[in-house]
């Protein structure tokens, strides 16, 4: 295994040097994407559930005051998107991969307590399947899917895969 990793690192270094010498700065992202594409920079479903449970009051207070300074300081939350007109606040907790194999996870607060797709799919056209304590939509002609599960008090866990 170590020999394989050394080989991959050496091949990546050679590719970076060759691309730098040729002036192809945009192609420099390719070796990094190849190496980093499979890494996960996100919380698990269980960790997201624990985060919401431990900080429920703080999250609800921030939503009520429309100030998300304290929520942004919580470890594991990478981005917050407030979409009042669409009926939700999304808390993005990370993702992995590059197109065509990528995923995103987080949670959202639904102002009316109902399921929301957070803009990842087209909610009006979805036919949901109940599974694993939540609901899943899988695109009929592909491998894309969206899963969401209730966390209580208007909070929902989500996963979007492409």
Foldseek 3Di string as FASTA:
>chain_A
DVVVVVVLVVVLVVVLVVCVVVVVVVCNVVSVQVVFQADWQFDDPVVQLVQCVVCVVVVVVCVVVVHCPVVCPDPQFDDWDDDVVQFKIWGWRTKHHDPPWIKTKGKMAGNVLDDDQVPLDDVVPFDWDDDDQWTKGADPPDGWMKIWHDSDPRMIIIMTTD
